[in-house]
Amino acid sequence: MKKWLLPVVVVLVAVAVPLWMAPASHPDSSERLDEDVSLTRDADYLTGLIPSRATLAGLFADHRIERPEAYVLTASVGAAFDLRRLRAGQAYIIDRLLDGRVRRFEYEIDGDRRLVADRASLDGDPEFVTSITKIPKVTEVVVLEGAISREVNSLSASIDRMGERIELALGLADVFSGEIDFSSDLQPGDEFRLVVERQLREGKLAGYGNILAAEFVNNGRPLRAVRFAPDGGSPGYYDDQGRSLKRFFLKSPLKFDPTVTSRFSTSRKHPILGYARAHNGVDYRAPSGAPVASVAPGVVTLAGWTSGGGRTVRVRHPNGYESEYLHMSAISVRVGNRIGQGQLVGRVGMTGLATGVHLHYGLRKNGRYVNPVREHQNMPPGEPVPAGLIDAFASDRDRYFELLFAPSALRAANNN
C-alpha cells in the first residue's frame, strides 16, 4: 500500500469501526449516513414582499441581477403582465444561481393567481417562458362557534379568538345587519354558530366562500339565517320561515365595534355650544377612517361641507326618507350618485363641531327628524321566498340546519 493512502485509511477505519460494532439491522444507520452528506450550495432562494413604490427592474437590481439578465426577464414578465399593476406587499420568489443567473421568478398577483417565469435553458443567452397560473385551493364546509363575553365584547374579537380572519366577521355582520346593530345590541352571553365555506391554499387559510347558514342568539333572542339562491335569481338570506332578513334600513351605518355615545333626543346640552338643543340622530364612537355605509338604497343629495357637521353626506331614499352622515374625514360619493344599501359613502372622522372622532347618523321622514332606532324597529319584515320556491328553500334549509345543529363529534366526522 502506498504511503499517501495511509492517512485516508486511518480516517475511514476510525469512522467505520462503530458501524461494524452495531447490529446489522440498526434502523437508523442509513439515516445517520445521509445526515453526514454535505451538498454544495449552487443557488440562492430569495423570498420577500414587493416594497412600496418598487419597480420590477429596481427589485432585480436590489438582488444584484446583471442588467442584461434583468432586462430580458423584465421584458418576458411584462409581455404577460402589466408591470404597472405590481402591488406592494405581494410575495415574490427568485431562484438565482450563484453566478447571478435566474432560474425562476414567481410573483403572487393576488389570492387566486401567480405569475411564473422559468428560464428556458442554462445554455446560451437568457430566455424565459412566463405564464400566469391559478393558485390551487381546496374548499371545505365547516361549522364554527363563538360567543360574546365581557372580555371578548365584540364580534371581531370573538372571531379572532377562534383563529379566524376579520372578513368572516364582516360577512356574518352583513347577514344579520337588518336585525342586529353590532355597535350597541351585543350582550355578554350572546352566542353564534355558522356553516361556512372555508378556502385553504397549500394547507393554509386563504379566505372564505359563502356563509350557508347561521344562528345568532342576541340577548336571548335566537335569529337564524339560510342562504338561498333561486334558479336564475340573486342569492339572499332568509329566516327559517323563508322571510327575507334584508330590511329596508340597515340597523347601523357602521359594521360593528363602534359604541353609541349619544342617542336621539329632543333636548340635549351640546358639548361645544354649551346650551340645550335637539340631538337629531345617534352618535357612534368609532375608529378614525372606519367605513360608513348607506343604510338604504337611494340618491345622494349632499356630499360636502356643512358648518356644524363638517364633511357631510345626505341620501334620499324611497317612501319619504332621507339619511345623513356627519363629521366624516372623507367622502366617497358625489351629488346625484345612485347608491345601494351598504355602499360606502365616507369615513369616520371629527370634522365640524366635534369633540372627538365619531359619526353622527340622522334620519328624516317627510322632512322631519325621527329616531333612527325606533324607526327601524317599526319596519316590516322582508319579502318571503316566492310560494313556488318554498319546497326548494326548505330542502336547503333542512340540509344546512342538520349540519349547523348536529353534535360537535358528528360534525367533525362529516367534515373528514
Protein backbone atom coordinates (compact mmCIF):
# COMPACT_ATOMS: atom_id res chain seq x y z
CA MET A 1 0.00 0.00 0.00
CA LYS A 2 1.32 3.39 -0.93
CA LYS A 3 2.24 5.73 1.93
CA TRP A 4 -0.03 8.58 0.78
CA LEU A 5 -3.05 6.33 1.21
CA LEU A 6 -2.36 5.58 4.87
CA PRO A 7 -3.94 8.72 6.39
CA VAL A 8 -7.13 8.13 4.37
CA VAL A 9 -7.34 4.50 5.51
CA VAL A 10 -6.86 5.52 9.12
CA VAL A 11 -9.69 8.06 8.93
CA LEU A 12 -12.05 5.62 7.28
CA VAL A 13 -11.32 2.95 9.86
CA ALA A 14 -11.88 5.38 12.72
CA VAL A 15 -15.29 6.29 11.36
CA ALA A 16 -16.30 2.80 10.32
CA VAL A 17 -15.47 0.86 13.50
CA PRO A 18 -18.60 1.94 15.44
CA LEU A 19 -20.78 0.94 12.47
CA TRP A 20 -19.26 -2.54 12.36
CA MET A 21 -19.90 -2.96 16.08
CA ALA A 22 -23.60 -2.00 15.74
CA PRO A 23 -26.24 -4.64 14.78
CA ALA A 24 -26.55 -5.06 11.02
CA SER A 25 -30.32 -4.30 11.17
CA HIS A 26 -29.97 -0.96 13.01
CA PRO A 27 -32.88 1.13 11.64
CA ASP A 28 -31.13 4.49 11.87
CA SER A 29 -27.78 3.65 10.28
CA SER A 30 -28.71 4.80 6.74
CA GLU A 31 -30.36 7.95 8.12
CA ARG A 32 -27.18 8.89 10.02
CA LEU A 33 -25.10 8.35 6.91
CA ASP A 34 -27.44 10.66 4.96
CA GLU A 35 -27.05 13.36 7.58
CA ASP A 36 -23.28 13.28 7.19
CA VAL A 37 -23.51 14.06 3.46
CA SER A 38 -22.82 17.76 2.77
CA LEU A 39 -24.14 19.08 -0.54
CA THR A 40 -22.55 22.09 -2.16
CA ARG A 41 -24.96 25.04 -2.44
CA ASP A 42 -25.44 26.02 -6.07
CA ALA A 43 -28.17 28.69 -5.83
CA ASP A 44 -29.85 31.28 -3.63
CA TYR A 45 -33.57 31.04 -2.94
CA LEU A 46 -34.70 34.62 -2.29
CA THR A 47 -38.16 35.40 -0.90
CA GLY A 48 -39.78 38.64 0.14
CA LEU A 49 -42.60 41.15 -0.31
CA ILE A 50 -42.70 43.81 -3.00
CA PRO A 51 -41.59 47.10 -1.38
CA SER A 52 -43.66 50.25 -1.58
CA ARG A 53 -43.29 52.16 -4.88
CA ALA A 54 -40.95 49.48 -6.25
CA THR A 55 -40.43 48.57 -9.89
CA LEU A 56 -39.52 45.13 -11.17
CA ALA A 57 -36.27 46.44 -12.63
CA GLY A 58 -35.41 48.05 -9.29
CA LEU A 59 -36.22 44.83 -7.44
CA PHE A 60 -33.85 42.85 -9.67
CA ALA A 61 -31.15 45.49 -9.22
CA ASP A 62 -31.50 45.25 -5.43
CA HIS A 63 -30.83 41.50 -5.73
CA ARG A 64 -27.72 42.12 -7.89
CA ILE A 65 -29.06 40.53 -11.04
CA GLU A 66 -26.95 41.65 -14.00
CA ARG A 67 -28.58 44.21 -16.30
CA PRO A 68 -28.76 42.05 -19.47
CA GLU A 69 -30.32 39.24 -17.44
CA ALA A 70 -32.75 41.59 -15.66
CA TYR A 71 -33.71 43.28 -18.94
CA VAL A 72 -34.70 40.01 -20.65
CA LEU A 73 -36.56 38.77 -17.54
CA THR A 74 -38.45 42.05 -17.12
CA ALA A 75 -39.45 42.03 -20.79
CA SER A 76 -40.73 38.46 -20.53
CA VAL A 77 -42.78 39.26 -17.41
CA GLY A 78 -44.08 42.48 -18.98
CA ALA A 79 -45.34 40.59 -22.03
CA ALA A 80 -47.63 38.51 -19.78
CA PHE A 81 -48.50 41.03 -17.07
CA ASP A 82 -49.00 44.80 -16.84
CA LEU A 83 -46.00 45.89 -14.76
CA ARG A 84 -47.90 48.98 -13.63
CA ARG A 85 -50.08 46.62 -11.59
CA LEU A 86 -47.17 45.45 -9.43
CA ARG A 87 -48.54 45.74 -5.89
CA ALA A 88 -46.62 46.48 -2.71
CA GLY A 89 -46.88 43.76 -0.09
CA GLN A 90 -47.31 40.88 -2.54
CA ALA A 91 -44.95 37.90 -2.21
CA TYR A 92 -42.20 37.06 -4.68
CA ILE A 93 -39.53 34.36 -5.07
CA ILE A 94 -36.26 34.49 -7.01
CA ASP A 95 -34.37 31.23 -7.63
CA ARG A 96 -30.92 32.53 -8.57
CA LEU A 97 -27.73 30.64 -9.36
CA LEU A 98 -24.58 31.73 -7.57
CA ASP A 99 -23.22 33.21 -10.81
CA GLY A 100 -26.21 35.61 -10.87
CA ARG A 101 -28.35 33.85 -13.48
CA VAL A 102 -32.04 33.47 -12.59
CA ARG A 103 -33.61 30.05 -12.95
CA ARG A 104 -37.12 31.03 -11.85
CA PHE A 105 -39.10 34.09 -10.76
CA GLU A 106 -42.52 33.92 -9.08
CA TYR A 107 -44.88 36.77 -8.18
CA GLU A 108 -48.23 36.39 -6.41
CA ILE A 109 -50.59 38.66 -8.35
CA ASP A 110 -53.46 38.20 -5.88
CA GLY A 111 -55.02 35.49 -3.76
CA ASP A 112 -56.02 33.50 -6.86
CA ARG A 113 -53.23 33.95 -9.43
CA ARG A 114 -49.47 33.52 -9.57
CA LEU A 115 -47.00 34.64 -12.27
CA VAL A 116 -44.14 32.25 -13.02
CA ALA A 117 -41.13 32.95 -15.26
CA ASP A 118 -38.90 29.91 -15.92
CA ARG A 119 -35.52 30.01 -17.64
CA ALA A 120 -35.74 28.12 -20.91
CA SER A 121 -32.17 26.81 -20.78
CA LEU A 122 -28.93 27.27 -18.87
CA ASP A 123 -27.02 27.33 -22.16
CA GLY A 124 -26.65 30.38 -24.34
CA ASP A 125 -28.31 33.75 -23.95
CA PRO A 126 -31.02 34.25 -21.28
CA GLU A 127 -34.55 33.38 -22.35
CA PHE A 128 -37.63 32.98 -20.16
CA VAL A 129 -41.05 31.42 -20.52
CA THR A 130 -43.64 33.34 -18.47
CA SER A 131 -47.17 32.26 -17.62
CA ILE A 132 -49.95 33.13 -15.19
CA THR A 133 -51.48 30.19 -13.35
CA LYS A 134 -54.30 29.75 -10.86
CA ILE A 135 -53.24 29.07 -7.29
CA PRO A 136 -54.81 25.72 -6.32
CA LYS A 137 -57.31 25.96 -3.49
CA VAL A 138 -59.38 23.49 -1.53
CA THR A 139 -62.83 24.47 -0.27
CA GLU A 140 -64.19 22.80 2.85
CA VAL A 141 -67.52 23.31 4.57
CA VAL A 142 -67.03 23.83 8.31
CA VAL A 143 -69.16 24.71 11.34
CA LEU A 144 -67.77 27.40 13.63
CA GLU A 145 -69.00 28.56 17.04
CA GLY A 146 -68.28 31.66 19.10
CA ALA A 147 -69.59 33.80 21.94
CA ILE A 148 -69.65 37.35 23.31
CA SER A 149 -68.43 37.98 26.86
CA ARG A 150 -67.27 40.91 28.98
CA GLU A 151 -63.69 40.17 27.99
CA VAL A 152 -64.49 39.39 24.34
CA ASN A 153 -67.12 42.06 23.79
CA SER A 154 -67.23 42.41 20.00
CA LEU A 155 -67.87 40.18 17.03
CA SER A 156 -64.42 40.83 15.57
CA ALA A 157 -62.70 39.95 18.86
CA SER A 158 -64.69 36.72 19.14
CA ILE A 159 -63.90 35.71 15.56
CA ASP A 160 -60.22 36.50 16.15
CA ARG A 161 -60.14 34.34 19.29
CA MET A 162 -61.49 31.46 17.19
CA GLY A 163 -58.42 31.78 14.95
CA GLU A 164 -60.43 33.09 12.01
CA ARG A 165 -59.99 36.27 9.98
CA ILE A 166 -61.77 39.62 10.05
CA GLU A 167 -63.56 39.07 6.74
CA LEU A 168 -65.59 36.30 8.36
CA ALA A 169 -66.81 38.77 10.99
CA LEU A 170 -67.73 41.24 8.25
CA GLY A 171 -69.66 38.54 6.40
CA LEU A 172 -71.60 37.46 9.47
CA ALA A 173 -72.37 41.09 10.33
CA ASP A 174 -73.77 41.57 6.82
CA VAL A 175 -76.05 38.54 7.18
CA PHE A 176 -77.72 39.93 10.32
CA SER A 177 -77.27 43.66 9.59
CA GLY A 178 -81.03 44.14 9.30
CA GLU A 179 -81.69 42.59 12.72
CA ILE A 180 -78.68 43.41 14.93
CA ASP A 181 -76.84 46.67 15.45
CA PHE A 182 -73.39 45.23 16.16
CA SER A 183 -72.31 48.54 17.67
CA SER A 184 -74.84 48.54 20.52
CA ASP A 185 -77.00 45.39 20.59
CA LEU A 186 -74.40 42.80 21.62
CA GLN A 187 -74.62 41.44 25.18
CA PRO A 188 -72.37 39.17 27.28
CA GLY A 189 -73.72 35.67 26.84
CA ASP A 190 -74.65 36.10 23.16
CA GLU A 191 -73.68 33.08 21.09
CA PHE A 192 -73.40 32.33 17.40
CA ARG A 193 -72.64 29.46 15.08
CA LEU A 194 -72.39 29.26 11.32
CA VAL A 195 -71.86 26.92 8.39
CA VAL A 196 -69.33 28.49 6.04
CA GLU A 197 -67.20 27.59 3.04
CA ARG A 198 -63.57 27.98 4.08
CA GLN A 199 -60.82 28.06 1.47
CA LEU A 200 -57.37 26.57 2.01
CA ARG A 201 -54.33 27.24 -0.13
CA GLU A 202 -51.37 24.93 0.28
CA GLY A 203 -52.74 23.91 3.68
CA LYS A 204 -53.21 27.48 4.96
CA LEU A 205 -56.34 29.60 5.32
CA ALA A 206 -56.84 31.64 2.15
CA GLY A 207 -60.31 33.12 2.67
CA TYR A 208 -63.99 32.33 2.82
CA GLY A 209 -66.74 31.48 0.40
CA ASN A 210 -70.43 31.72 1.25
CA ILE A 211 -71.95 31.61 4.70
CA LEU A 212 -74.57 28.90 4.11
CA ALA A 213 -76.46 29.11 7.40
CA ALA A 214 -76.08 30.82 10.75
CA GLU A 215 -77.69 31.30 14.14
CA PHE A 216 -77.09 34.30 16.40
CA VAL A 217 -78.62 34.34 19.88
CA ASN A 218 -78.75 38.03 20.78
CA ASN A 219 -79.91 38.92 24.31
CA GLY A 220 -81.81 35.61 24.46
CA ARG A 221 -83.45 36.13 21.04
CA PRO A 222 -82.46 33.42 18.51
CA LEU A 223 -82.03 34.64 14.95
CA ARG A 224 -81.47 32.19 12.13
CA ALA A 225 -80.35 32.70 8.56
CA VAL A 226 -80.22 30.46 5.50
CA ARG A 227 -78.61 31.37 2.19
CA PHE A 228 -80.95 30.62 -0.70
CA ALA A 229 -80.39 31.29 -4.39
CA PRO A 230 -83.40 30.65 -6.64
CA ASP A 231 -82.62 29.43 -10.16
CA GLY A 232 -81.56 32.45 -12.19
CA GLY A 233 -82.07 34.80 -9.22
CA SER A 234 -79.79 36.63 -6.82
CA PRO A 235 -78.90 34.85 -3.55
CA GLY A 236 -80.21 36.22 -0.29
CA TYR A 237 -80.57 35.34 3.38
CA TYR A 238 -83.88 34.23 4.88
CA ASP A 239 -85.06 33.19 8.32
CA ASP A 240 -86.20 29.63 9.00
CA GLN A 241 -89.72 30.52 7.82
CA GLY A 242 -88.47 31.82 4.49
CA ARG A 243 -88.78 35.56 5.23
CA SER A 244 -86.01 37.79 3.91
CA LEU A 245 -83.60 39.16 6.50
CA LYS A 246 -82.96 42.20 4.33
CA ARG A 247 -84.85 45.16 5.77
CA PHE A 248 -85.46 48.49 4.09
CA PHE A 249 -82.89 50.02 6.50
CA LEU A 250 -79.73 48.60 7.99
CA LYS A 251 -79.71 48.87 11.78
CA SER A 252 -76.49 50.89 11.65
CA PRO A 253 -74.33 52.62 9.03
CA LEU A 254 -71.27 51.02 10.68
CA LYS A 255 -70.39 47.35 10.57
CA PHE A 256 -69.55 46.71 14.23
CA ASP A 257 -67.26 47.65 17.14
CA PRO A 258 -68.38 51.31 17.49
CA THR A 259 -70.06 52.49 20.69
CA VAL A 260 -73.21 54.62 20.94
CA THR A 261 -72.18 57.78 22.80
CA SER A 262 -75.35 59.85 22.39
CA ARG A 263 -78.87 58.82 21.44
CA PHE A 264 -81.71 60.65 19.72
CA SER A 265 -83.14 63.40 21.95
CA THR A 266 -85.41 66.42 21.66
CA SER A 267 -83.20 68.30 24.14
CA ARG A 268 -79.51 67.69 24.85
CA LYS A 269 -76.76 70.01 26.07
CA HIS A 270 -74.41 70.47 23.15
CA PRO A 271 -70.82 69.58 24.19
CA ILE A 272 -69.30 72.57 22.34
CA LEU A 273 -72.03 75.20 22.16
CA GLY A 274 -72.93 74.68 25.83
CA TYR A 275 -76.71 75.08 25.57
CA ALA A 276 -79.52 72.57 25.19
CA ARG A 277 -80.90 71.76 21.76
CA ALA A 278 -82.31 68.77 19.93
CA HIS A 279 -79.96 65.94 19.05
CA ASN A 280 -81.43 64.77 15.76
CA GLY A 281 -79.72 61.40 15.46
CA VAL A 282 -77.40 58.85 17.02
CA ASP A 283 -73.67 59.36 17.70
CA TYR A 284 -71.27 56.44 17.29
CA ARG A 285 -67.72 56.49 18.60
CA ALA A 286 -65.61 54.56 16.09
CA PRO A 287 -62.01 54.45 14.84
CA SER A 288 -60.96 57.24 12.53
CA GLY A 289 -61.27 56.07 8.94
CA ALA A 290 -63.83 53.34 9.66
CA PRO A 291 -66.14 52.83 6.63
CA VAL A 292 -69.61 54.44 6.73
CA ALA A 293 -72.33 52.73 4.66
CA SER A 294 -75.66 53.97 3.36
CA VAL A 295 -78.45 52.35 5.39
CA ALA A 296 -80.70 52.01 2.32
CA PRO A 297 -80.61 52.46 -1.47
CA GLY A 298 -81.11 55.99 -2.73
CA VAL A 299 -79.71 59.11 -4.42
CA VAL A 300 -77.01 61.36 -2.91
CA THR A 301 -78.42 64.88 -2.39
CA LEU A 302 -75.47 66.40 -0.49
CA ALA A 303 -71.79 65.50 -0.42
CA GLY A 304 -69.69 68.29 1.02
CA TRP A 305 -69.02 70.59 3.95
CA THR A 306 -71.63 71.90 6.36
CA SER A 307 -70.85 74.40 9.12
CA GLY A 308 -71.65 72.16 12.08
CA GLY A 309 -71.45 68.73 10.50
CA GLY A 310 -68.12 69.05 8.74
CA ARG A 311 -67.88 66.60 5.86
CA THR A 312 -71.48 65.50 5.39
CA VAL A 313 -73.42 63.19 3.10
CA ARG A 314 -77.21 63.08 2.71
CA VAL A 315 -79.04 60.35 0.80
CA ARG A 316 -82.69 60.47 -0.33
CA HIS A 317 -84.48 57.13 -0.08
CA PRO A 318 -87.93 55.94 -1.22
CA ASN A 319 -91.03 56.49 0.94
CA GLY A 320 -90.01 60.00 2.01
CA TYR A 321 -86.87 59.06 3.97
CA GLU A 322 -83.52 60.86 3.95
CA SER A 323 -80.43 59.75 5.90
CA GLU A 324 -77.42 61.88 6.81
CA TYR A 325 -73.87 61.14 7.94
CA LEU A 326 -71.84 63.91 9.66
CA HIS A 327 -68.28 64.71 10.87
CA MET A 328 -66.62 62.36 8.37
CA SER A 329 -62.93 62.51 7.49
CA ALA A 330 -63.53 61.64 3.83
CA ILE A 331 -66.44 61.47 1.38
CA SER A 332 -66.69 58.67 -1.21
CA VAL A 333 -69.74 59.74 -3.27
CA ARG A 334 -70.93 62.70 -5.31
CA VAL A 335 -74.24 64.51 -5.56
CA GLY A 336 -76.52 62.66 -7.96
CA ASN A 337 -74.92 59.23 -7.43
CA ARG A 338 -77.36 56.34 -7.14
CA ILE A 339 -76.10 54.04 -4.41
CA GLY A 340 -77.16 50.72 -2.96
CA GLN A 341 -77.80 49.58 0.57
CA GLY A 342 -74.48 49.07 2.37
CA GLN A 343 -72.47 51.08 -0.20
CA LEU A 344 -69.60 53.19 1.12
CA VAL A 345 -70.40 56.91 1.49
CA GLY A 346 -67.38 58.04 3.54
CA ARG A 347 -65.07 57.50 6.50
CA VAL A 348 -65.43 58.27 10.20
CA GLY A 349 -63.70 61.48 11.37
CA MET A 350 -64.15 64.54 13.59
CA THR A 351 -64.74 67.46 11.20
CA GLY A 352 -67.10 70.32 12.04
CA LEU A 353 -68.36 70.84 15.61
CA ALA A 354 -67.00 67.60 17.11
CA THR A 355 -65.12 66.99 20.37
CA GLY A 356 -63.83 63.59 19.29
CA VAL A 357 -63.78 61.05 16.47
CA HIS A 358 -67.33 59.86 15.87
CA LEU A 359 -70.16 59.53 13.36
CA HIS A 360 -73.48 61.32 13.67
CA TYR A 361 -76.24 59.39 11.88
CA GLY A 362 -79.56 61.13 11.35
CA LEU A 363 -82.83 60.12 9.67
CA ARG A 364 -85.68 62.25 8.38
CA LYS A 365 -89.13 61.16 7.24
CA ASN A 366 -91.12 63.61 5.13
CA GLY A 367 -88.75 66.38 6.17
CA ARG A 368 -88.97 65.75 9.94
CA TYR A 369 -86.23 64.14 12.04
CA VAL A 370 -87.19 60.79 13.57
CA ASN A 371 -85.46 58.41 15.96
CA PRO A 372 -83.45 56.04 13.70
CA VAL A 373 -83.52 53.20 16.23
CA ARG A 374 -87.28 53.34 16.74
CA GLU A 375 -87.95 53.81 13.03
CA HIS A 376 -86.04 50.65 12.24
CA GLN A 377 -87.99 48.71 14.84
CA ASN A 378 -91.20 49.72 13.06
CA MET A 379 -90.02 48.42 9.69
CA PRO A 380 -91.98 45.42 8.36
CA PRO A 381 -90.15 42.11 7.81
CA GLY A 382 -88.61 41.37 4.46
CA GLU A 383 -90.28 39.76 1.48
CA PRO A 384 -90.70 35.97 1.76
CA VAL A 385 -89.46 33.28 -0.61
CA PRO A 386 -91.95 33.00 -3.51
CA ALA A 387 -94.53 30.29 -2.94
CA GLY A 388 -93.36 28.30 -5.94
CA LEU A 389 -89.84 28.03 -4.49
CA ILE A 390 -90.69 27.23 -0.87
CA ASP A 391 -90.02 23.49 -1.30
CA ALA A 392 -86.55 24.15 -2.75
CA PHE A 393 -85.86 26.57 0.09
CA ALA A 394 -86.99 24.06 2.71
CA SER A 395 -84.66 21.44 1.23
CA ASP A 396 -81.65 23.75 1.50
CA ARG A 397 -82.67 24.90 4.99
CA ASP A 398 -83.05 21.38 6.36
CA ARG A 399 -79.74 20.25 4.86
CA TYR A 400 -77.79 23.19 6.31
CA PHE A 401 -79.54 23.13 9.69
CA GLU A 402 -78.82 19.41 10.07
CA LEU A 403 -75.13 20.27 9.93
CA LEU A 404 -75.46 23.51 11.93
CA PHE A 405 -77.17 21.90 14.91
CA ALA A 406 -75.53 18.46 14.81
CA PRO A 407 -73.42 17.46 17.85
CA SER A 408 -69.78 18.50 17.55
CA ALA A 409 -68.47 14.94 17.20
CA LEU A 410 -70.88 14.19 14.36
CA ARG A 411 -69.97 17.41 12.55
CA ALA A 412 -66.28 16.56 12.81
CA ALA A 413 -66.94 13.11 11.34
CA ASN A 414 -68.90 14.62 8.43
CA ASN A 415 -66.12 17.10 7.68
CA ASN A 416 -63.46 14.36 7.47
